[in-house]
PDB file of N, CA and C in Angstrom:
ATOM      1  N   MET A   1      85.807 102.363  95.482  1.00  0.00           N
ATOM      2  CA  MET A   1      87.146 102.293  94.830  1.00  0.00           C
ATOM      3  C   MET A   1      87.661 100.918  95.167  1.00  0.00           C
ATOM      4  N   ASN A   2      87.863 100.159  94.048  1.00  0.00           N
ATOM      5  CA  ASN A   2      88.539  98.832  94.120  1.00  0.00           C
ATOM      6  C   ASN A   2      90.000  98.968  93.979  1.00  0.00           C
ATOM      7  N   ILE A   3      90.809  98.156  94.719  1.00  0.00           N
ATOM      8  CA  ILE A   3      92.284  98.140  94.716  1.00  0.00           C
ATOM      9  C   ILE A   3      92.657  96.722  94.612  1.00  0.00           C
ATOM     10  N   THR A   4      93.520  96.303  93.833  1.00  0.00           N
ATOM     11  CA  THR A   4      93.981  94.999  93.723  1.00  0.00           C
ATOM     12  C   THR A   4      95.217  94.718  94.629  1.00  0.00           C
ATOM     13  N   ILE A   5      95.274  93.670  95.266  1.00  0.00           N
ATOM     14  CA  ILE A   5      96.333  93.295  96.060  1.00  0.00           C
ATOM     15  C   ILE A   5      97.443  92.652  95.125  1.00  0.00           C
ATOM     16  N   ARG A   6      98.635  93.159  95.248  1.00  0.00           N
ATOM     17  CA  ARG A   6      99.748  92.809  94.439  1.00  0.00           C
ATOM     18  C   ARG A   6     100.835  92.066  95.117  1.00  0.00           C
ATOM     19  N   LYS A   7     101.516  91.152  94.419  1.00  0.00           N
ATOM     20  CA  LYS A   7     102.763  90.566  94.963  1.00  0.00           C
ATOM     21  C   LYS A   7     103.921  91.606  94.990  1.00  0.00           C
ATOM     22  N   ILE A   8     104.631  91.631  96.135  1.00  0.00           N
ATOM     23  CA  ILE A   8     105.785  92.538  96.228  1.00  0.00           C
ATOM     24  C   ILE A   8     106.816  91.670  97.038  1.00  0.00           C
ATOM     25  N   GLY A   9     107.684  91.084  96.193  1.00  0.00           N
ATOM     26  CA  GLY A   9     108.730  90.284  96.790  1.00  0.00           C
ATOM     27  C   GLY A   9     108.002  89.012  97.449  1.00  0.00           C
ATOM     28  N   ASN A  10     108.318  88.760  98.692  1.00  0.00           N
ATOM     29  CA  ASN A  10     107.744  87.620  99.482  1.00  0.00           C
ATOM     30  C   ASN A  10     106.439  88.085 100.164  1.00  0.00           C
ATOM     31  N   SER A  11     106.128  89.361  99.994  1.00  0.00           N
ATOM     32  CA  SER A  11     104.896  89.899 100.590  1.00  0.00           C
ATOM     33  C   SER A  11     103.882  90.235  99.689  1.00  0.00           C
ATOM     34  N   GLU A  12     102.668  90.802 100.177  1.00  0.00           N
ATOM     35  CA  GLU A  12     101.703  91.318  99.267  1.00  0.00           C
ATOM     36  C   GLU A  12     101.392  92.718  99.680  1.00  0.00           C
ATOM     37  N   GLY A  13     100.972  93.517  98.814  1.00  0.00           N
ATOM     38  CA  GLY A  13     100.597  94.871  99.198  1.00  0.00           C
ATOM     39  C   GLY A  13      99.571  95.576  98.258  1.00  0.00           C
ATOM     40  N   ILE A  14      99.316  96.860  98.555  1.00  0.00           N
ATOM     41  CA  ILE A  14      98.412  97.647  97.718  1.00  0.00           C
ATOM     42  C   ILE A  14      98.999  98.964  97.440  1.00  0.00           C
ATOM     43  N   ILE A  15      98.576  99.533  96.321  1.00  0.00           N
ATOM     44  CA  ILE A  15      99.127 100.925  95.972  1.00  0.00           C
ATOM     45  C   ILE A  15      97.865 101.789  96.369  1.00  0.00           C
ATOM     46  N   ILE A  16      98.280 102.857  97.183  1.00  0.00           N
ATOM     47  CA  ILE A  16      97.124 103.687  97.645  1.00  0.00           C
ATOM     48  C   ILE A  16      97.242 104.931  96.659  1.00  0.00           C
ATOM     49  N   PRO A  17      96.041 105.394  96.010  1.00  0.00           N
ATOM     50  CA  PRO A  17      96.034 106.429  95.174  1.00  0.00           C
ATOM     51  C   PRO A  17      96.566 107.732  95.873  1.00  0.00           C
ATOM     52  N   LYS A  18      97.169 108.602  95.042  1.00  0.00           N
ATOM     53  CA  LYS A  18      97.690 109.888  95.672  1.00  0.00           C
ATOM     54  C   LYS A  18      96.618 110.734  96.201  1.00  0.00           C
ATOM     55  N   ASP A  19      95.451 110.784  95.610  1.00  0.00           N
ATOM     56  CA  ASP A  19      94.405 111.659  96.101  1.00  0.00           C
ATOM     57  C   ASP A  19      93.973 111.234  97.536  1.00  0.00           C
ATOM     58  N   VAL A  20      93.958 109.895  97.801  1.00  0.00           N
ATOM     59  CA  VAL A  20      93.599 109.381  99.055  1.00  0.00           C
ATOM     60  C   VAL A  20      94.682 109.699 100.169  1.00  0.00           C
ATOM     61  N   LEU A  21      95.990 109.541  99.712  1.00  0.00           N
ATOM     62  CA  LEU A  21      97.109 109.947 100.664  1.00  0.00           C
ATOM     63  C   LEU A  21      96.928 111.507 100.908  1.00  0.00           C
ATOM     64  N   ASP A  22      96.656 112.312  99.949  1.00  0.00           N
ATOM     65  CA  ASP A  22      96.584 113.716 100.151  1.00  0.00           C
ATOM     66  C   ASP A  22      95.412 114.096 101.190  1.00  0.00           C
ATOM     67  N   ARG A  23      94.300 113.326 101.122  1.00  0.00           N
ATOM     68  CA  ARG A  23      93.083 113.573 101.976  1.00  0.00           C
ATOM     69  C   ARG A  23      93.557 113.130 103.412  1.00  0.00           C
ATOM     70  N   MET A  24      94.397 112.151 103.586  1.00  0.00           N
ATOM     71  CA  MET A  24      94.792 111.675 104.786  1.00  0.00           C
ATOM     72  C   MET A  24      95.926 112.615 105.375  1.00  0.00           C
ATOM     73  N   GLY A  25      96.559 113.344 104.544  1.00  0.00           N
ATOM     74  CA  GLY A  25      97.656 114.234 104.924  1.00  0.00           C
ATOM     75  C   GLY A  25      98.911 113.472 105.206  1.00  0.00           C
ATOM     76  N   VAL A  26      99.147 112.493 104.366  1.00  0.00           N
ATOM     77  CA  VAL A  26     100.472 111.677 104.401  1.00  0.00           C
ATOM     78  C   VAL A  26     101.090 111.612 103.042  1.00  0.00           C
ATOM     79  N   LYS A  27     102.334 111.285 103.050  1.00  0.00           N
ATOM     80  CA  LYS A  27     103.110 111.212 101.802  1.00  0.00           C
ATOM     81  C   LYS A  27     104.090 110.061 101.869  1.00  0.00           C
ATOM     82  N   ALA A  28     104.764 109.743 100.926  1.00  0.00           N
ATOM     83  CA  ALA A  28     105.679 108.680 100.861  1.00  0.00           C
ATOM     84  C   ALA A  28     106.745 108.848 101.994  1.00  0.00           C
ATOM     85  N   GLY A  29     106.999 107.812 102.759  1.00  0.00           N
ATOM     86  CA  GLY A  29     107.948 107.953 103.899  1.00  0.00           C
ATOM     87  C   GLY A  29     107.245 108.159 105.186  1.00  0.00           C
ATOM     88  N   ASP A  30     106.062 108.628 105.241  1.00  0.00           N
ATOM     89  CA  ASP A  30     105.368 108.820 106.539  1.00  0.00           C
ATOM     90  C   ASP A  30     104.917 107.547 107.076  1.00  0.00           C
ATOM     91  N   GLU A  31     104.883 107.427 108.431  1.00  0.00           N
ATOM     92  CA  GLU A  31     104.404 106.251 109.006  1.00  0.00           C
ATOM     93  C   GLU A  31     102.872 106.317 109.206  1.00  0.00           C
ATOM     94  N   VAL A  32     102.196 105.143 109.037  1.00  0.00           N
ATOM     95  CA  VAL A  32     100.706 105.057 109.266  1.00  0.00           C
ATOM     96  C   VAL A  32     100.521 103.828 110.168  1.00  0.00           C
ATOM     97  N   THR A  33      99.328 103.877 110.789  1.00  0.00           N
ATOM     98  CA  THR A  33      98.996 102.697 111.612  1.00  0.00           C
ATOM     99  C   THR A  33      97.810 101.851 110.978  1.00  0.00           C
ATOM    100  N   LEU A  34      98.000 100.591 110.871  1.00  0.00           N
ATOM    101  CA  LEU A  34      97.028  99.721 110.198  1.00  0.00           C
ATOM    102  C   LEU A  34      96.398  98.936 111.314  1.00  0.00           C
ATOM    103  N   THR A  35      95.195  98.926 111.473  1.00  0.00           N
ATOM    104  CA  THR A  35      94.332  98.089 112.362  1.00  0.00           C
ATOM    105  C   THR A  35      93.213  97.408 111.640  1.00  0.00           C
ATOM    106  N   SER A  36      92.629  96.333 112.310  1.00  0.00           N
ATOM    107  CA  SER A  36      91.509  95.598 111.595  1.00  0.00           C
ATOM    108  C   SER A  36      90.496  95.652 112.593  1.00  0.00           C
ATOM    109  N   GLU A  37      89.222  95.788 112.161  1.00  0.00           N
ATOM    110  CA  GLU A  37      88.047  95.813 113.004  1.00  0.00           C
ATOM    111  C   GLU A  37      86.933  95.347 112.229  1.00  0.00           C
ATOM    112  N   GLY A  38      86.355  94.246 112.567  1.00  0.00           N
ATOM    113  CA  GLY A  38      85.158  93.678 112.061  1.00  0.00           C
ATOM    114  C   GLY A  38      85.357  93.394 110.543  1.00  0.00           C
ATOM    115  N   GLY A  39      86.510  92.823 110.103  1.00  0.00           N
ATOM    116  CA  GLY A  39      86.659  92.578 108.737  1.00  0.00           C
ATOM    117  C   GLY A  39      87.071  93.716 107.877  1.00  0.00           C
ATOM    118  N   LYS A  40      87.360  94.917 108.455  1.00  0.00           N
ATOM    119  CA  LYS A  40      87.715  96.014 107.815  1.00  0.00           C
ATOM    120  C   LYS A  40      89.214  96.411 108.188  1.00  0.00           C
ATOM    121  N   LEU A  41      89.857  96.838 107.242  1.00  0.00           N
ATOM    122  CA  LEU A  41      91.316  97.511 107.565  1.00  0.00           C
ATOM    123  C   LEU A  41      91.157  98.948 107.696  1.00  0.00           C
ATOM    124  N   ILE A  42      91.716  99.468 108.730  1.00  0.00           N
ATOM    125  CA  ILE A  42      91.705 100.889 109.071  1.00  0.00           C
ATOM    126  C   ILE A  42      93.003 101.490 108.985  1.00  0.00           C
ATOM    127  N   LEU A  43      93.274 102.443 108.172  1.00  0.00           N
ATOM    128  CA  LEU A  43      94.634 103.002 108.008  1.00  0.00           C
ATOM    129  C   LEU A  43      94.552 104.478 108.467  1.00  0.00           C
ATOM    130  N   THR A  44      95.332 104.793 109.523  1.00  0.00           N
ATOM    131  CA  THR A  44      95.397 106.132 110.105  1.00  0.00           C
ATOM    132  C   THR A  44      96.728 106.617 110.114  1.00  0.00           C
ATOM    133  N   ALA A  45      96.877 107.987 109.906  1.00  0.00           N
ATOM    134  CA  ALA A  45      98.148 108.647 109.999  1.00  0.00           C
ATOM    135  C   ALA A  45      98.724 108.612 111.456  1.00  0.00           C
ATOM    136  N   SER A  46      99.973 108.229 111.552  1.00  0.00           N
ATOM    137  CA  SER A  46     100.621 108.137 112.899  1.00  0.00           C
ATOM    138  C   SER A  46     101.039 109.438 113.350  1.00  0.00           C
ATOM    139  N   ASP A  47     100.892 109.643 114.718  1.00  0.00           N
ATOM    140  CA  ASP A  47     101.339 110.951 115.374  1.00  0.00           C
ATOM    141  C   ASP A  47     102.657 110.585 116.021  1.00  0.00           C
ATOM    142  N   GLY A  48     103.737 110.891 115.323  1.00  0.00           N
ATOM    143  CA  GLY A  48     105.165 110.602 115.917  1.00  0.00           C
ATOM    144  C   GLY A  48     105.309 110.986 117.382  1.00  0.00           C
ATOM    145  N   ASP A  49     104.867 112.123 117.700  1.00  0.00           N
ATOM    146  CA  ASP A  49     105.080 112.616 119.021  1.00  0.00           C
ATOM    147  C   ASP A  49     104.277 111.842 120.032  1.00  0.00           C
ATOM    148  N   PHE A  50     103.048 111.401 119.706  1.00  0.00           N
ATOM    149  CA  PHE A  50     102.265 110.631 120.638  1.00  0.00           C
ATOM    150  C   PHE A  50     102.852 109.208 120.805  1.00  0.00           C
ATOM    151  N   ASP A  51     103.369 108.553 119.657  1.00  0.00           N
ATOM    152  CA  ASP A  51     103.884 107.320 119.724  1.00  0.00           C
ATOM    153  C   ASP A  51     105.179 107.368 120.577  1.00  0.00           C
ATOM    154  N   ARG A  52     105.976 108.292 120.410  1.00  0.00           N
ATOM    155  CA  ARG A  52     107.151 108.560 121.271  1.00  0.00           C
ATOM    156  C   ARG A  52     106.775 108.553 122.702  1.00  0.00           C
ATOM    157  N   GLN A  53     105.846 109.304 123.064  1.00  0.00           N
ATOM    158  CA  GLN A  53     105.352 109.567 124.365  1.00  0.00           C
ATOM    159  C   GLN A  53     104.728 108.226 125.010  1.00  0.00           C
ATOM    160  N   LEU A  54     104.024 107.509 124.118  1.00  0.00           N
ATOM    161  CA  LEU A  54     103.408 106.284 124.548  1.00  0.00           C
ATOM    162  C   LEU A  54     104.538 105.187 124.884  1.00  0.00           C
ATOM    163  N   LYS A  55     105.607 105.180 124.069  1.00  0.00           N
ATOM    164  CA  LYS A  55     106.703 104.307 124.279  1.00  0.00           C
ATOM    165  C   LYS A  55     107.327 104.540 125.800  1.00  0.00           C
ATOM    166  N   HIS A  56     107.551 105.936 126.055  1.00  0.00           N
ATOM    167  CA  HIS A  56     108.156 106.267 127.327  1.00  0.00           C
ATOM    168  C   HIS A  56     107.031 105.936 128.440  1.00  0.00           C
ATOM    169  N   ALA A  57     105.873 106.122 128.270  1.00  0.00           N
ATOM    170  CA  ALA A  57     104.868 105.806 129.270  1.00  0.00           C
ATOM    171  C   ALA A  57     104.853 104.327 129.604  1.00  0.00           C
ATOM    172  N   GLU A  58     105.027 103.519 128.545  1.00  0.00           N
ATOM    173  CA  GLU A  58     104.983 102.055 128.768  1.00  0.00           C
ATOM    174  C   GLU A  58     106.305 101.681 129.572  1.00  0.00           C
ATOM    175  N   LYS A  59     107.387 102.213 129.299  1.00  0.00           N
ATOM    176  CA  LYS A  59     108.660 101.914 129.979  1.00  0.00           C
ATOM    177  C   LYS A  59     108.502 102.371 131.467  1.00  0.00           C
ATOM    178  N   PHE A  60     107.957 103.490 131.677  1.00  0.00           N
ATOM    179  CA  PHE A  60     107.791 104.028 133.014  1.00  0.00           C
ATOM    180  C   PHE A  60     106.748 102.960 133.879  1.00  0.00           C
ATOM    181  N   MET A  61     105.744 102.741 133.142  1.00  0.00           N
ATOM    182  CA  MET A  61     104.766 101.790 133.826  1.00  0.00           C
ATOM    183  C   MET A  61     105.347 100.493 134.169  1.00  0.00           C
ATOM    184  N   ASP A  62     106.174  99.945 133.259  1.00  0.00           N
ATOM    185  CA  ASP A  62     106.755  98.641 133.494  1.00  0.00           C
ATOM    186  C   ASP A  62     107.731  98.669 134.738  1.00  0.00           C
ATOM    187  N   ARG A  63     108.518  99.774 134.723  1.00  0.00           N
ATOM    188  CA  ARG A  63     109.451 100.055 135.728  1.00  0.00           C
ATOM    189  C   ARG A  63     108.897 100.210 137.065  1.00  0.00           C
ATOM    190  N   TYR A  64     107.768 100.930 137.160  1.00  0.00           N
ATOM    191  CA  TYR A  64     107.161 101.232 138.475  1.00  0.00           C
ATOM    192  C   TYR A  64     105.855 100.570 138.621  1.00  0.00           C
ATOM    193  N   LYS A  65     105.638  99.356 138.100  1.00  0.00           N
ATOM    194  CA  LYS A  65     104.324  98.654 138.131  1.00  0.00           C
ATOM    195  C   LYS A  65     103.792  98.331 139.580  1.00  0.00           C
ATOM    196  N   VAL A  66     104.849  98.011 140.501  1.00  0.00           N
ATOM    197  CA  VAL A  66     104.498  97.648 141.833  1.00  0.00           C
ATOM    198  C   VAL A  66     104.000  98.916 142.542  1.00  0.00           C
ATOM    199  N   ALA A  67     104.734 100.046 142.328  1.00  0.00           N
ATOM    200  CA  ALA A  67     104.252 101.300 142.989  1.00  0.00           C
ATOM    201  C   ALA A  67     102.855 101.823 142.438  1.00  0.00           C
ATOM    202  N   LEU A  68     102.782 101.681 141.099  1.00  0.00           N
ATOM    203  CA  LEU A  68     101.442 102.118 140.614  1.00  0.00           C
ATOM    204  C   LEU A  68     100.387 101.189 141.035  1.00  0.00           C
ATOM    205  N   LYS A  69     100.599  99.974 141.305  1.00  0.00           N
ATOM    206  CA  LYS A  69      99.531  99.051 141.718  1.00  0.00           C
ATOM    207  C   LYS A  69      99.111  99.535 143.138  1.00  0.00           C
ATOM    208  N   LYS A  70     100.166  99.788 143.970  1.00  0.00           N
ATOM    209  CA  LYS A  70      99.836 100.177 145.421  1.00  0.00           C
ATOM    210  C   LYS A  70      99.088 101.481 145.425  1.00  0.00           C
ATOM    211  N   LEU A  71      99.401 102.360 144.465  1.00  0.00           N
ATOM    212  CA  LEU A  71      98.682 103.699 144.429  1.00  0.00           C
ATOM    213  C   LEU A  71      97.301 103.535 143.972  1.00  0.00           C
ATOM    214  N   ALA A  72      97.039 102.510 143.113  1.00  0.00           N
ATOM    215  CA  ALA A  72      95.676 102.167 142.637  1.00  0.00           C
ATOM    216  C   ALA A  72      94.751 101.520 143.747  1.00  0.00           C
ATOM    217  N   GLU A  73      95.410 101.086 144.802  1.00  0.00           N
ATOM    218  CA  GLU A  73      94.570 100.448 145.826  1.00  0.00           C
ATOM    219  C   GLU A  73      93.824 101.424 146.655  1.00  0.00           C
TER     220      GLU A  73
END
């Protein structure tokens, strides 16, 4: 499947066909994660609960980094 990169304001973007979105289980307004690996773009559906938990874990680890470091010794 070939998709053309289009100019959108000051940015550039692509239009993802609806059947691809349906297979991913996402719709307009949903958040997705875009990563690149070996010259490839990888688009995955975001798990809102996981992302929220990860943010809390990062705050916890930052706040208690000294204690966590001591526990790891």
